Amino acid sequence: MSLATPALDALRDALPDDLKDIRLNLSSVLTGENLQPAQALGIALAAARFVRAQPLATALESDIRTSLGDAAAPAISDAVAAAGLMAMNTVYYRFRHMLGKESYEARPPRLRMSRMMQPATTKADFELMSLACAALAGCELCIKNHEASLVHLGVSEDACHDAVRIAAVINAAAQ
């Protein structure tokens, strides 16, 4: 399946010449060989929502609908859910990790996150989106846990690497 991204292309082309590297990266990171097009778009949307880049998120949602047809709704739903859950989890788990106190580690989070176990797409796709958001937040514990989960699911380190590359470029484009 080829990747049709007319709305994202319009935003990309509007970036100033000072951001030429970002323009070129935005063109290339979504077409890697380690992720399916639906995965790349879902990761990009989760990252855009996570960094609160509404114009990028709106463009990506439009392109997902154009490119994925019937598979668009689950991909969009998971991207929204992953960005929201990771906004919560990265704050909470980064706090616990940074303090490093057993007293906090012993406390149950009591934060609902069952969507992670019941994604609309696949567990691997949701984990890729979550890994991208964890990288954006700089939450070491979350990064390690999501990467380990992905490798356990049979996802390659190259695919994990590509997910974080997408998040990095989306973050740069949001600036």
N, C-alpha and C. Protein backbone atom coordinates (compact mmCIF):
# COMPACT_ATOMS: atom_id res chain seq x y z
N MET A 1 0.85 -1.17 0.00
CA MET A 1 0.00 0.00 0.00
C MET A 1 0.89 1.23 0.00
N SER A 2 0.68 2.13 -0.95
CA SER A 2 1.45 3.37 -0.97
C SER A 2 0.84 4.36 0.03
N LEU A 3 1.65 5.27 0.44
CA LEU A 3 1.27 6.20 1.49
C LEU A 3 0.84 7.52 0.85
N ALA A 4 -0.46 7.82 0.88
CA ALA A 4 -0.96 9.09 0.37
C ALA A 4 -1.11 10.04 1.55
N THR A 5 -0.35 11.14 1.51
CA THR A 5 -0.39 12.10 2.62
C THR A 5 -0.53 13.54 2.11
N PRO A 6 -1.58 13.83 1.35
CA PRO A 6 -1.69 15.17 0.78
C PRO A 6 -1.80 16.29 1.84
N ALA A 7 -2.50 16.05 2.92
CA ALA A 7 -2.64 17.09 3.95
C ALA A 7 -1.31 17.32 4.66
N LEU A 8 -0.61 16.25 4.99
CA LEU A 8 0.70 16.38 5.62
C LEU A 8 1.70 17.01 4.65
N ASP A 9 1.62 16.63 3.38
CA ASP A 9 2.51 17.22 2.37
C ASP A 9 2.33 18.73 2.29
N ALA A 10 1.10 19.20 2.37
CA ALA A 10 0.84 20.65 2.32
C ALA A 10 1.47 21.35 3.52
N LEU A 11 1.34 20.77 4.70
CA LEU A 11 1.99 21.36 5.88
C LEU A 11 3.51 21.32 5.75
N ARG A 12 4.01 20.20 5.30
CA ARG A 12 5.46 20.05 5.13
C ARG A 12 5.99 21.10 4.15
N ASP A 13 5.30 21.27 3.04
CA ASP A 13 5.76 22.21 2.02
C ASP A 13 5.69 23.66 2.48
N ALA A 14 4.90 23.92 3.51
CA ALA A 14 4.79 25.28 4.04
C ALA A 14 5.88 25.61 5.06
N LEU A 15 6.67 24.61 5.44
CA LEU A 15 7.76 24.88 6.39
C LEU A 15 8.80 25.78 5.72
N PRO A 16 9.35 26.73 6.46
CA PRO A 16 10.33 27.66 5.86
C PRO A 16 11.63 26.96 5.47
N ASP A 17 12.40 27.62 4.65
CA ASP A 17 13.66 27.06 4.18
C ASP A 17 14.62 26.76 5.33
N ASP A 18 14.51 27.49 6.42
CA ASP A 18 15.35 27.22 7.59
C ASP A 18 15.11 25.82 8.14
N LEU A 19 13.95 25.25 7.83
CA LEU A 19 13.60 23.90 8.30
C LEU A 19 13.62 22.88 7.16
N LYS A 20 14.50 23.11 6.19
CA LYS A 20 14.59 22.20 5.05
C LYS A 20 14.87 20.77 5.50
N ASP A 21 15.77 20.62 6.49
CA ASP A 21 16.08 19.27 6.99
C ASP A 21 14.82 18.59 7.54
N ILE A 22 14.01 19.34 8.24
CA ILE A 22 12.78 18.78 8.81
C ILE A 22 11.82 18.41 7.68
N ARG A 23 11.71 19.27 6.67
CA ARG A 23 10.86 18.96 5.51
C ARG A 23 11.28 17.64 4.88
N LEU A 24 12.58 17.48 4.65
CA LEU A 24 13.08 16.26 4.01
C LEU A 24 12.89 15.05 4.92
N ASN A 25 13.14 15.22 6.20
CA ASN A 25 12.94 14.11 7.14
C ASN A 25 11.47 13.71 7.21
N LEU A 26 10.58 14.68 7.19
CA LEU A 26 9.15 14.39 7.25
C LEU A 26 8.72 13.57 6.04
N SER A 27 9.36 13.81 4.91
CA SER A 27 9.06 13.03 3.71
C SER A 27 9.57 11.60 3.82
N SER A 28 10.73 11.44 4.46
CA SER A 28 11.38 10.12 4.42
C SER A 28 11.01 9.20 5.58
N VAL A 29 10.76 9.70 6.77
CA VAL A 29 10.57 8.78 7.91
C VAL A 29 9.29 7.96 7.84
N LEU A 30 8.31 8.44 7.13
CA LEU A 30 7.05 7.70 7.05
C LEU A 30 7.08 6.60 6.00
N THR A 31 8.15 6.52 5.23
CA THR A 31 8.22 5.53 4.16
C THR A 31 9.36 4.53 4.37
N GLY A 32 9.68 4.26 5.60
CA GLY A 32 10.75 3.30 5.90
C GLY A 32 10.35 1.88 5.55
N GLU A 33 11.32 0.99 5.65
CA GLU A 33 11.08 -0.40 5.27
C GLU A 33 10.72 -1.30 6.44
N ASN A 34 10.75 -0.77 7.67
CA ASN A 34 10.54 -1.59 8.86
C ASN A 34 9.14 -1.49 9.45
N LEU A 35 8.35 -0.57 8.94
CA LEU A 35 6.98 -0.38 9.42
C LEU A 35 6.02 -0.41 8.25
N GLN A 36 4.82 -0.91 8.50
CA GLN A 36 3.76 -0.83 7.50
C GLN A 36 3.27 0.62 7.45
N PRO A 37 2.73 1.06 6.31
CA PRO A 37 2.24 2.44 6.21
C PRO A 37 1.24 2.81 7.31
N ALA A 38 0.35 1.90 7.65
CA ALA A 38 -0.63 2.17 8.70
C ALA A 38 0.06 2.38 10.04
N GLN A 39 1.10 1.60 10.31
CA GLN A 39 1.85 1.78 11.56
C GLN A 39 2.54 3.13 11.59
N ALA A 40 3.20 3.49 10.50
CA ALA A 40 3.91 4.77 10.44
C ALA A 40 2.95 5.94 10.65
N LEU A 41 1.81 5.91 9.99
CA LEU A 41 0.84 6.99 10.15
C LEU A 41 0.26 7.02 11.57
N GLY A 42 -0.02 5.86 12.13
CA GLY A 42 -0.54 5.82 13.50
C GLY A 42 0.46 6.36 14.51
N ILE A 43 1.72 6.00 14.34
CA ILE A 43 2.77 6.50 15.22
C ILE A 43 2.89 8.02 15.08
N ALA A 44 2.87 8.49 13.84
CA ALA A 44 2.96 9.94 13.61
C ALA A 44 1.79 10.67 14.25
N LEU A 45 0.58 10.13 14.13
CA LEU A 45 -0.58 10.77 14.74
C LEU A 45 -0.49 10.75 16.26
N ALA A 46 -0.10 9.63 16.84
CA ALA A 46 0.06 9.57 18.29
C ALA A 46 1.08 10.61 18.75
N ALA A 47 2.19 10.72 18.03
CA ALA A 47 3.22 11.70 18.39
C ALA A 47 2.70 13.12 18.27
N ALA A 48 1.99 13.41 17.19
CA ALA A 48 1.44 14.77 17.00
C ALA A 48 0.46 15.12 18.11
N ARG A 49 -0.39 14.19 18.47
CA ARG A 49 -1.34 14.44 19.56
C ARG A 49 -0.60 14.58 20.89
N PHE A 50 0.42 13.76 21.10
CA PHE A 50 1.17 13.80 22.35
C PHE A 50 1.84 15.16 22.56
N VAL A 51 2.38 15.74 21.49
CA VAL A 51 3.04 17.05 21.61
C VAL A 51 2.07 18.20 21.36
N ARG A 52 0.80 17.87 21.27
CA ARG A 52 -0.27 18.86 21.12
C ARG A 52 -0.10 19.73 19.86
N ALA A 53 0.29 19.11 18.80
CA ALA A 53 0.45 19.79 17.52
C ALA A 53 -0.81 19.59 16.69
N GLN A 54 -1.83 20.40 16.97
CA GLN A 54 -3.14 20.20 16.37
C GLN A 54 -3.14 20.26 14.84
N PRO A 55 -2.44 21.22 14.21
CA PRO A 55 -2.45 21.21 12.74
C PRO A 55 -1.86 19.91 12.16
N LEU A 56 -0.79 19.41 12.76
CA LEU A 56 -0.22 18.14 12.30
C LEU A 56 -1.18 16.99 12.55
N ALA A 57 -1.79 16.97 13.72
CA ALA A 57 -2.74 15.89 14.04
C ALA A 57 -3.92 15.90 13.07
N THR A 58 -4.45 17.06 12.78
CA THR A 58 -5.58 17.17 11.87
C THR A 58 -5.18 16.69 10.47
N ALA A 59 -4.01 17.08 10.01
CA ALA A 59 -3.54 16.64 8.68
C ALA A 59 -3.34 15.13 8.66
N LEU A 60 -2.73 14.60 9.70
CA LEU A 60 -2.50 13.16 9.74
C LEU A 60 -3.80 12.37 9.81
N GLU A 61 -4.76 12.84 10.58
CA GLU A 61 -6.07 12.16 10.62
C GLU A 61 -6.71 12.14 9.24
N SER A 62 -6.63 13.25 8.54
CA SER A 62 -7.19 13.31 7.19
C SER A 62 -6.48 12.32 6.27
N ASP A 63 -5.15 12.28 6.36
CA ASP A 63 -4.39 11.37 5.51
C ASP A 63 -4.62 9.91 5.88
N ILE A 64 -4.82 9.63 7.15
CA ILE A 64 -5.13 8.26 7.57
C ILE A 64 -6.46 7.83 6.97
N ARG A 65 -7.44 8.71 7.00
CA ARG A 65 -8.74 8.37 6.40
C ARG A 65 -8.61 8.12 4.91
N THR A 66 -7.79 8.94 4.24
CA THR A 66 -7.57 8.80 2.81
C THR A 66 -6.84 7.49 2.49
N SER A 67 -5.79 7.20 3.24
CA SER A 67 -4.91 6.07 2.94
C SER A 67 -5.45 4.73 3.41
N LEU A 68 -6.11 4.72 4.56
CA LEU A 68 -6.44 3.44 5.19
C LEU A 68 -7.88 3.00 5.01
N GLY A 69 -8.74 3.85 4.54
CA GLY A 69 -10.13 3.46 4.32
C GLY A 69 -10.78 2.89 5.57
N ASP A 70 -11.25 1.64 5.51
CA ASP A 70 -11.95 1.02 6.64
C ASP A 70 -11.06 0.83 7.86
N ALA A 71 -9.76 0.77 7.67
CA ALA A 71 -8.83 0.59 8.79
C ALA A 71 -8.49 1.91 9.48
N ALA A 72 -9.03 3.01 8.99
CA ALA A 72 -8.71 4.33 9.55
C ALA A 72 -9.22 4.51 10.97
N ALA A 73 -10.46 4.14 11.21
CA ALA A 73 -11.06 4.38 12.53
C ALA A 73 -10.28 3.70 13.67
N PRO A 74 -9.92 2.41 13.54
CA PRO A 74 -9.13 1.79 14.61
C PRO A 74 -7.75 2.45 14.79
N ALA A 75 -7.10 2.81 13.69
CA ALA A 75 -5.78 3.44 13.78
C ALA A 75 -5.86 4.78 14.48
N ILE A 76 -6.84 5.58 14.12
CA ILE A 76 -7.02 6.89 14.76
C ILE A 76 -7.37 6.71 16.23
N SER A 77 -8.26 5.79 16.52
CA SER A 77 -8.67 5.54 17.89
C SER A 77 -7.49 5.13 18.77
N ASP A 78 -6.65 4.23 18.27
CA ASP A 78 -5.49 3.80 19.04
C ASP A 78 -4.47 4.93 19.20
N ALA A 79 -4.27 5.73 18.18
CA ALA A 79 -3.33 6.85 18.29
C ALA A 79 -3.79 7.84 19.36
N VAL A 80 -5.07 8.14 19.37
CA VAL A 80 -5.63 9.05 20.38
C VAL A 80 -5.48 8.44 21.77
N ALA A 81 -5.82 7.16 21.90
CA ALA A 81 -5.73 6.48 23.20
C ALA A 81 -4.28 6.38 23.68
N ALA A 82 -3.36 6.03 22.78
CA ALA A 82 -1.95 5.91 23.17
C ALA A 82 -1.40 7.25 23.63
N ALA A 83 -1.69 8.32 22.89
CA ALA A 83 -1.20 9.64 23.28
C ALA A 83 -1.76 10.05 24.64
N GLY A 84 -3.03 9.80 24.87
CA GLY A 84 -3.64 10.16 26.15
C GLY A 84 -3.11 9.35 27.30
N LEU A 85 -3.04 8.03 27.12
CA LEU A 85 -2.52 7.19 28.20
C LEU A 85 -1.06 7.48 28.50
N MET A 86 -0.28 7.70 27.46
CA MET A 86 1.13 7.97 27.69
C MET A 86 1.36 9.36 28.29
N ALA A 87 0.47 10.30 28.05
CA ALA A 87 0.57 11.60 28.72
C ALA A 87 0.43 11.41 30.23
N MET A 88 -0.42 10.50 30.63
CA MET A 88 -0.60 10.18 32.05
C MET A 88 0.56 9.33 32.57
N ASN A 89 0.84 8.25 31.88
CA ASN A 89 1.82 7.29 32.37
C ASN A 89 3.24 7.84 32.45
N THR A 90 3.63 8.64 31.47
CA THR A 90 5.00 9.14 31.49
C THR A 90 5.23 10.10 32.65
N VAL A 91 4.23 10.84 33.02
CA VAL A 91 4.38 11.70 34.20
C VAL A 91 4.48 10.84 35.46
N TYR A 92 3.58 9.92 35.61
CA TYR A 92 3.53 9.11 36.82
C TYR A 92 4.79 8.23 36.97
N TYR A 93 5.12 7.49 35.94
CA TYR A 93 6.24 6.56 36.06
C TYR A 93 7.60 7.28 36.06
N ARG A 94 7.69 8.40 35.39
CA ARG A 94 8.92 9.19 35.47
C ARG A 94 9.12 9.70 36.89
N PHE A 95 8.06 10.15 37.55
CA PHE A 95 8.10 10.57 38.95
C PHE A 95 8.64 9.45 39.84
N ARG A 96 8.04 8.27 39.72
CA ARG A 96 8.47 7.13 40.54
C ARG A 96 9.92 6.77 40.26
N HIS A 97 10.28 6.74 38.99
CA HIS A 97 11.63 6.35 38.61
C HIS A 97 12.66 7.38 39.12
N MET A 98 12.35 8.65 38.96
CA MET A 98 13.29 9.70 39.36
C MET A 98 13.51 9.73 40.88
N LEU A 99 12.45 9.50 41.62
CA LEU A 99 12.60 9.47 43.08
C LEU A 99 13.37 8.23 43.53
N GLY A 100 13.07 7.11 42.94
CA GLY A 100 13.78 5.89 43.28
C GLY A 100 13.55 5.41 44.69
N LYS A 101 12.45 5.81 45.30
CA LYS A 101 12.15 5.39 46.66
C LYS A 101 11.29 4.14 46.65
N GLU A 102 11.66 3.18 47.46
CA GLU A 102 10.88 1.95 47.55
C GLU A 102 9.46 2.22 48.02
N SER A 103 9.28 3.22 48.86
CA SER A 103 7.95 3.52 49.38
C SER A 103 6.98 3.89 48.25
N TYR A 104 7.46 4.59 47.21
CA TYR A 104 6.60 4.92 46.08
C TYR A 104 6.46 3.73 45.13
N GLU A 105 7.54 2.96 44.98
CA GLU A 105 7.49 1.77 44.12
C GLU A 105 6.49 0.76 44.64
N ALA A 106 6.30 0.73 45.96
CA ALA A 106 5.40 -0.25 46.58
C ALA A 106 3.93 0.15 46.43
N ARG A 107 3.68 1.40 46.14
CA ARG A 107 2.29 1.86 46.00
C ARG A 107 1.73 1.46 44.64
N PRO A 108 0.51 0.95 44.62
CA PRO A 108 -0.09 0.64 43.32
C PRO A 108 -0.45 1.93 42.58
N PRO A 109 -0.27 1.96 41.28
CA PRO A 109 -0.59 3.20 40.54
C PRO A 109 -2.06 3.61 40.65
N ARG A 110 -2.94 2.63 40.66
CA ARG A 110 -4.39 2.89 40.66
C ARG A 110 -4.78 3.87 39.55
N LEU A 111 -4.17 3.66 38.40
CA LEU A 111 -4.49 4.42 37.20
C LEU A 111 -5.00 3.45 36.15
N ARG A 112 -6.17 3.71 35.65
CA ARG A 112 -6.77 2.82 34.66
C ARG A 112 -6.03 2.95 33.33
N MET A 113 -5.64 1.81 32.78
CA MET A 113 -4.97 1.80 31.48
C MET A 113 -5.25 0.51 30.73
N SER A 114 -6.48 0.03 30.87
CA SER A 114 -6.84 -1.26 30.26
C SER A 114 -6.83 -1.20 28.73
N ARG A 115 -6.93 -0.03 28.14
CA ARG A 115 -6.92 0.09 26.68
C ARG A 115 -5.62 -0.48 26.10
N MET A 116 -4.54 -0.40 26.86
CA MET A 116 -3.28 -0.94 26.37
C MET A 116 -3.37 -2.43 26.10
N MET A 117 -4.22 -3.10 26.84
CA MET A 117 -4.37 -4.55 26.67
C MET A 117 -5.44 -4.90 25.64
N GLN A 118 -6.26 -3.92 25.27
CA GLN A 118 -7.35 -4.15 24.32
C GLN A 118 -7.37 -3.07 23.24
N PRO A 119 -6.31 -3.00 22.44
CA PRO A 119 -6.28 -1.96 21.39
C PRO A 119 -7.28 -2.24 20.27
N ALA A 120 -7.59 -1.22 19.53
CA ALA A 120 -8.48 -1.36 18.38
C ALA A 120 -7.73 -1.95 17.18
N THR A 121 -6.42 -1.77 17.12
CA THR A 121 -5.62 -2.33 16.02
C THR A 121 -4.96 -3.61 16.54
N THR A 122 -3.67 -3.58 16.79
CA THR A 122 -2.97 -4.73 17.35
C THR A 122 -2.15 -4.28 18.55
N LYS A 123 -1.77 -5.23 19.37
CA LYS A 123 -0.93 -4.92 20.53
C LYS A 123 0.39 -4.30 20.06
N ALA A 124 0.97 -4.83 19.02
CA ALA A 124 2.24 -4.30 18.51
C ALA A 124 2.09 -2.86 18.03
N ASP A 125 1.02 -2.57 17.29
CA ASP A 125 0.81 -1.21 16.80
C ASP A 125 0.64 -0.24 17.97
N PHE A 126 -0.14 -0.64 18.97
CA PHE A 126 -0.36 0.23 20.12
C PHE A 126 0.95 0.44 20.88
N GLU A 127 1.73 -0.61 21.01
CA GLU A 127 3.03 -0.50 21.70
C GLU A 127 3.99 0.41 20.94
N LEU A 128 3.98 0.34 19.62
CA LEU A 128 4.82 1.24 18.82
C LEU A 128 4.43 2.70 19.04
N MET A 129 3.14 2.96 19.07
CA MET A 129 2.66 4.32 19.34
C MET A 129 3.07 4.76 20.75
N SER A 130 2.95 3.85 21.70
CA SER A 130 3.31 4.16 23.09
C SER A 130 4.80 4.40 23.23
N LEU A 131 5.61 3.61 22.54
CA LEU A 131 7.06 3.81 22.58
C LEU A 131 7.42 5.20 22.06
N ALA A 132 6.80 5.60 20.96
CA ALA A 132 7.07 6.92 20.40
C ALA A 132 6.74 8.02 21.41
N CYS A 133 5.62 7.90 22.07
CA CYS A 133 5.23 8.91 23.07
C CYS A 133 6.17 8.88 24.27
N ALA A 134 6.58 7.69 24.69
CA ALA A 134 7.51 7.57 25.82
C ALA A 134 8.83 8.26 25.49
N ALA A 135 9.29 8.10 24.25
CA ALA A 135 10.53 8.77 23.83
C ALA A 135 10.36 10.28 23.86
N LEU A 136 9.22 10.76 23.41
CA LEU A 136 8.96 12.20 23.43
C LEU A 136 8.97 12.75 24.86
N ALA A 137 8.49 11.95 25.79
CA ALA A 137 8.45 12.39 27.19
C ALA A 137 9.79 12.19 27.90
N GLY A 138 10.64 11.39 27.31
CA GLY A 138 11.92 11.11 27.95
C GLY A 138 11.78 10.27 29.20
N CYS A 139 10.79 9.38 29.20
CA CYS A 139 10.56 8.52 30.36
C CYS A 139 11.33 7.21 30.16
N GLU A 140 12.46 7.10 30.85
CA GLU A 140 13.33 5.94 30.68
C GLU A 140 12.61 4.63 30.97
N LEU A 141 11.88 4.58 32.06
CA LEU A 141 11.18 3.35 32.44
C LEU A 141 10.16 2.95 31.37
N CYS A 142 9.40 3.92 30.88
CA CYS A 142 8.40 3.63 29.85
C CYS A 142 9.06 3.19 28.54
N ILE A 143 10.15 3.85 28.18
CA ILE A 143 10.86 3.49 26.95
C ILE A 143 11.33 2.04 27.04
N LYS A 144 11.97 1.69 28.14
CA LYS A 144 12.49 0.33 28.30
C LYS A 144 11.37 -0.70 28.31
N ASN A 145 10.28 -0.41 29.00
CA ASN A 145 9.17 -1.37 29.08
C ASN A 145 8.48 -1.57 27.73
N HIS A 146 8.23 -0.49 27.00
CA HIS A 146 7.55 -0.63 25.71
C HIS A 146 8.45 -1.29 24.67
N GLU A 147 9.74 -0.96 24.70
CA GLU A 147 10.66 -1.60 23.76
C GLU A 147 10.76 -3.10 24.06
N ALA A 148 10.84 -3.46 25.33
CA ALA A 148 10.91 -4.88 25.71
C ALA A 148 9.63 -5.61 25.30
N SER A 149 8.50 -4.97 25.48
CA SER A 149 7.23 -5.58 25.09
C SER A 149 7.19 -5.80 23.57
N LEU A 150 7.67 -4.83 22.82
CA LEU A 150 7.68 -4.95 21.36
C LEU A 150 8.60 -6.09 20.91
N VAL A 151 9.79 -6.16 21.47
CA VAL A 151 10.71 -7.23 21.10
C VAL A 151 10.10 -8.59 21.46
N HIS A 152 9.44 -8.66 22.61
CA HIS A 152 8.77 -9.90 23.03
C HIS A 152 7.67 -10.29 22.04
N LEU A 153 7.01 -9.29 21.46
CA LEU A 153 5.96 -9.54 20.47
C LEU A 153 6.53 -9.90 19.09
N GLY A 154 7.85 -9.85 18.96
CA GLY A 154 8.47 -10.18 17.68
C GLY A 154 8.73 -9.00 16.77
N VAL A 155 8.55 -7.79 17.29
CA VAL A 155 8.81 -6.59 16.51
C VAL A 155 10.32 -6.34 16.54
N SER A 156 10.88 -5.99 15.41
CA SER A 156 12.32 -5.80 15.31
C SER A 156 12.78 -4.51 15.99
N GLU A 157 14.04 -4.51 16.39
CA GLU A 157 14.62 -3.28 16.93
C GLU A 157 14.62 -2.18 15.87
N ASP A 158 14.76 -2.57 14.60
CA ASP A 158 14.71 -1.58 13.52
C ASP A 158 13.36 -0.87 13.48
N ALA A 159 12.28 -1.63 13.69
CA ALA A 159 10.95 -1.02 13.72
C ALA A 159 10.81 -0.10 14.93
N CYS A 160 11.32 -0.51 16.07
CA CYS A 160 11.30 0.35 17.27
C CYS A 160 12.07 1.64 17.00
N HIS A 161 13.22 1.50 16.38
CA HIS A 161 14.05 2.66 16.03
C HIS A 161 13.28 3.60 15.10
N ASP A 162 12.62 3.04 14.11
CA ASP A 162 11.85 3.87 13.17
C ASP A 162 10.71 4.59 13.86
N ALA A 163 10.07 3.94 14.82
CA ALA A 163 8.97 4.60 15.55
C ALA A 163 9.47 5.84 16.28
N VAL A 164 10.64 5.73 16.88
CA VAL A 164 11.21 6.87 17.62
C VAL A 164 11.69 7.94 16.64
N ARG A 165 12.20 7.54 15.49
CA ARG A 165 12.58 8.52 14.47
C ARG A 165 11.36 9.32 14.01
N ILE A 166 10.24 8.64 13.82
CA ILE A 166 9.01 9.34 13.42
C ILE A 166 8.62 10.34 14.50
N ALA A 167 8.65 9.91 15.76
CA ALA A 167 8.28 10.81 16.85
C ALA A 167 9.20 12.03 16.89
N ALA A 168 10.49 11.81 16.68
CA ALA A 168 11.44 12.92 16.71
C ALA A 168 11.14 13.94 15.61
N VAL A 169 10.86 13.45 14.42
CA VAL A 169 10.59 14.36 13.31
C VAL A 169 9.25 15.07 13.48
N ILE A 170 8.25 14.38 13.98
CA ILE A 170 6.96 15.03 14.26
C ILE A 170 7.16 16.12 15.30
N ASN A 171 7.95 15.84 16.33
CA ASN A 171 8.23 16.84 17.36
C ASN A 171 8.92 18.07 16.74
N ALA A 172 9.87 17.84 15.85
CA ALA A 172 10.56 18.95 15.20
C ALA A 172 9.61 19.74 14.29
N ALA A 173 8.77 19.04 13.55
CA ALA A 173 7.82 19.72 12.67
C ALA A 173 6.80 20.54 13.46
N ALA A 174 6.50 20.10 14.67
CA ALA A 174 5.55 20.81 15.53
C ALA A 174 6.11 22.14 16.01
N GLN A 175 7.42 22.27 16.00
CA GLN A 175 8.04 23.50 16.47
C GLN A 175 7.88 24.61 15.46
